[in-house]
């Protein structure tokens, strides 16, 4: 009997969902992010590199990496690809206002 890792099932199902389903799943979870986490989430989802985010916001790179890890735990995603899918579907408000 093969044991299936539920995290892998969730990861692959994100890619098959439409935007409305993803927004419904993650809208509440995104409200749990602090302001700092939301800004970093939006910048990561826009495609910025960690070092560029750190420079733009005036943080150390390690700070951005730690915040990114916390975001991934809160949103229950395992890969940057899934994080990007969530960000694309839920729109990155910080980018539209500030860059």
C-alpha atoms as a PDB file:
ATOM      1  CA  UNK A   1       0.000   0.000   0.000  1.00  0.00           C
ATOM      2  CA  UNK A   2       1.438   3.376  -1.028  1.00  0.00           C
ATOM      3  CA  UNK A   3       1.107   6.239   1.429  1.00  0.00           C
ATOM      4  CA  UNK A   4       0.182   9.510  -0.258  1.00  0.00           C
ATOM      5  CA  UNK A   5       1.502  12.764   1.153  1.00  0.00           C
ATOM      6  CA  UNK A   6      -1.479  15.135   1.413  1.00  0.00           C
ATOM      7  CA  UNK A   7       0.789  18.157   0.909  1.00  0.00           C
ATOM      8  CA  UNK A   8       1.681  16.877  -2.558  1.00  0.00           C
ATOM      9  CA  UNK A   9      -2.005  16.434  -3.392  1.00  0.00           C
ATOM     10  CA  UNK A  10      -2.721  20.030  -2.344  1.00  0.00           C
ATOM     11  CA  UNK A  11       0.237  21.356  -4.372  1.00  0.00           C
ATOM     12  CA  UNK A  12      -0.831  19.711  -7.602  1.00  0.00           C
ATOM     13  CA  UNK A  13      -4.492  20.613  -7.135  1.00  0.00           C
ATOM     14  CA  UNK A  14      -3.682  24.336  -6.950  1.00  0.00           C
ATOM     15  CA  UNK A  15      -2.462  24.292 -10.533  1.00  0.00           C
ATOM     16  CA  UNK A  16      -5.693  22.690 -11.707  1.00  0.00           C
ATOM     17  CA  UNK A  17      -8.034  25.121  -9.948  1.00  0.00           C
ATOM     18  CA  UNK A  18      -9.498  28.210 -11.479  1.00  0.00           C
ATOM     19  CA  UNK A  19      -8.883  31.637  -9.948  1.00  0.00           C
ATOM     20  CA  UNK A  20     -12.260  31.856  -8.205  1.00  0.00           C
ATOM     21  CA  UNK A  21     -11.670  28.619  -6.305  1.00  0.00           C
ATOM     22  CA  UNK A  22      -8.202  29.722  -5.197  1.00  0.00           C
ATOM     23  CA  UNK A  23      -9.469  33.125  -4.044  1.00  0.00           C
ATOM     24  CA  UNK A  24     -12.225  31.461  -2.022  1.00  0.00           C
ATOM     25  CA  UNK A  25      -9.733  29.139  -0.343  1.00  0.00           C
ATOM     26  CA  UNK A  26      -7.061  31.751   0.373  1.00  0.00           C
ATOM     27  CA  UNK A  27      -9.028  34.978   0.951  1.00  0.00           C
ATOM     28  CA  UNK A  28      -9.436  34.273   4.666  1.00  0.00           C
ATOM     29  CA  UNK A  29      -5.865  33.025   5.052  1.00  0.00           C
ATOM     30  CA  UNK A  30      -4.495  36.191   3.444  1.00  0.00           C
ATOM     31  CA  UNK A  31      -6.248  38.295   6.087  1.00  0.00           C
ATOM     32  CA  UNK A  32      -4.088  36.534   8.699  1.00  0.00           C
ATOM     33  CA  UNK A  33      -0.918  38.047   7.223  1.00  0.00           C
ATOM     34  CA  UNK A  34       0.586  41.048   8.972  1.00  0.00           C
ATOM     35  CA  UNK A  35       1.197  44.213   6.975  1.00  0.00           C
ATOM     36  CA  UNK A  36       4.907  43.350   6.604  1.00  0.00           C
ATOM     37  CA  UNK A  37       4.081  39.796   5.513  1.00  0.00           C
ATOM     38  CA  UNK A  38       1.518  41.036   2.989  1.00  0.00           C
ATOM     39  CA  UNK A  39       3.959  43.507   1.439  1.00  0.00           C
ATOM     40  CA  UNK A  40       6.648  40.838   1.118  1.00  0.00           C
ATOM     41  CA  UNK A  41       4.076  38.341  -0.210  1.00  0.00           C
ATOM     42  CA  UNK A  42       2.992  40.801  -2.885  1.00  0.00           C
ATOM     43  CA  UNK A  43       6.573  41.570  -3.909  1.00  0.00           C
ATOM     44  CA  UNK A  44       7.495  37.879  -4.103  1.00  0.00           C
ATOM     45  CA  UNK A  45       4.401  37.209  -6.195  1.00  0.00           C
ATOM     46  CA  UNK A  46       5.350  40.035  -8.543  1.00  0.00           C
ATOM     47  CA  UNK A  47       8.574  38.189  -9.316  1.00  0.00           C
ATOM     48  CA  UNK A  48      11.070  40.223  -7.303  1.00  0.00           C
ATOM     49  CA  UNK A  49      14.116  38.424  -5.932  1.00  0.00           C
ATOM     50  CA  UNK A  50      14.695  38.230  -2.179  1.00  0.00           C
ATOM     51  CA  UNK A  51      17.742  40.514  -2.346  1.00  0.00           C
ATOM     52  CA  UNK A  52      15.795  43.114  -4.345  1.00  0.00           C
ATOM     53  CA  UNK A  53      12.898  43.008  -1.875  1.00  0.00           C
ATOM     54  CA  UNK A  54      15.312  43.480   1.015  1.00  0.00           C
ATOM     55  CA  UNK A  55      16.961  46.453  -0.682  1.00  0.00           C
ATOM     56  CA  UNK A  56      13.612  48.019  -1.656  1.00  0.00           C
ATOM     57  CA  UNK A  57      12.182  47.730   1.868  1.00  0.00           C
ATOM     58  CA  UNK A  58      15.431  48.359   3.766  1.00  0.00           C
ATOM     59  CA  UNK A  59      15.498  44.920   5.422  1.00  0.00           C
ATOM     60  CA  UNK A  60      18.259  42.347   5.696  1.00  0.00           C
ATOM     61  CA  UNK A  61      17.932  39.449   3.239  1.00  0.00           C
ATOM     62  CA  UNK A  62      17.602  36.965   6.089  1.00  0.00           C
ATOM     63  CA  UNK A  63      14.608  38.922   7.411  1.00  0.00           C
ATOM     64  CA  UNK A  64      12.841  38.614   4.078  1.00  0.00           C
ATOM     65  CA  UNK A  65      13.658  34.891   3.933  1.00  0.00           C
ATOM     66  CA  UNK A  66      12.236  34.305   7.421  1.00  0.00           C
ATOM     67  CA  UNK A  67       9.079  36.263   6.633  1.00  0.00           C
ATOM     68  CA  UNK A  68       8.679  34.333   3.373  1.00  0.00           C
ATOM     69  CA  UNK A  69       8.929  31.056   5.287  1.00  0.00           C
ATOM     70  CA  UNK A  70       6.277  32.224   7.768  1.00  0.00           C
ATOM     71  CA  UNK A  71       3.996  33.252   4.909  1.00  0.00           C
ATOM     72  CA  UNK A  72       4.323  29.829   3.311  1.00  0.00           C
ATOM     73  CA  UNK A  73       3.436  28.152   6.617  1.00  0.00           C
ATOM     74  CA  UNK A  74       0.425  30.414   7.199  1.00  0.00           C
ATOM     75  CA  UNK A  75      -0.873  29.880   3.667  1.00  0.00           C
ATOM     76  CA  UNK A  76      -0.056  26.162   3.807  1.00  0.00           C
ATOM     77  CA  UNK A  77       1.869  26.106   0.532  1.00  0.00           C
ATOM     78  CA  UNK A  78       5.064  24.154  -0.022  1.00  0.00           C
ATOM     79  CA  UNK A  79       6.559  25.702  -3.132  1.00  0.00           C
ATOM     80  CA  UNK A  80       7.179  29.175  -4.505  1.00  0.00           C
ATOM     81  CA  UNK A  81       5.186  28.157  -7.555  1.00  0.00           C
ATOM     82  CA  UNK A  82       2.082  27.630  -5.408  1.00  0.00           C
ATOM     83  CA  UNK A  83       2.740  30.902  -3.605  1.00  0.00           C
ATOM     84  CA  UNK A  84       2.881  32.657  -6.975  1.00  0.00           C
ATOM     85  CA  UNK A  85      -0.385  31.018  -8.061  1.00  0.00           C
ATOM     86  CA  UNK A  86      -2.095  32.268  -4.899  1.00  0.00           C
ATOM     87  CA  UNK A  87      -0.654  35.746  -5.386  1.00  0.00           C
ATOM     88  CA  UNK A  88      -1.677  35.964  -9.018  1.00  0.00           C
ATOM     89  CA  UNK A  89      -5.221  34.908  -8.258  1.00  0.00           C
ATOM     90  CA  UNK A  90      -5.626  37.166  -5.224  1.00  0.00           C
ATOM     91  CA  UNK A  91      -4.021  40.251  -6.845  1.00  0.00           C
ATOM     92  CA  UNK A  92      -1.029  42.061  -5.451  1.00  0.00           C
ATOM     93  CA  UNK A  93      -2.377  45.347  -4.100  1.00  0.00           C
ATOM     94  CA  UNK A  94       0.951  46.660  -2.796  1.00  0.00           C
ATOM     95  CA  UNK A  95       2.453  46.568  -6.286  1.00  0.00           C
ATOM     96  CA  UNK A  96      -0.393  48.560  -7.802  1.00  0.00           C
ATOM     97  CA  UNK A  97      -0.168  51.276  -5.125  1.00  0.00           C
ATOM     98  CA  UNK A  98       3.570  51.622  -4.550  1.00  0.00           C
ATOM     99  CA  UNK A  99       5.663  50.673  -7.574  1.00  0.00           C
END
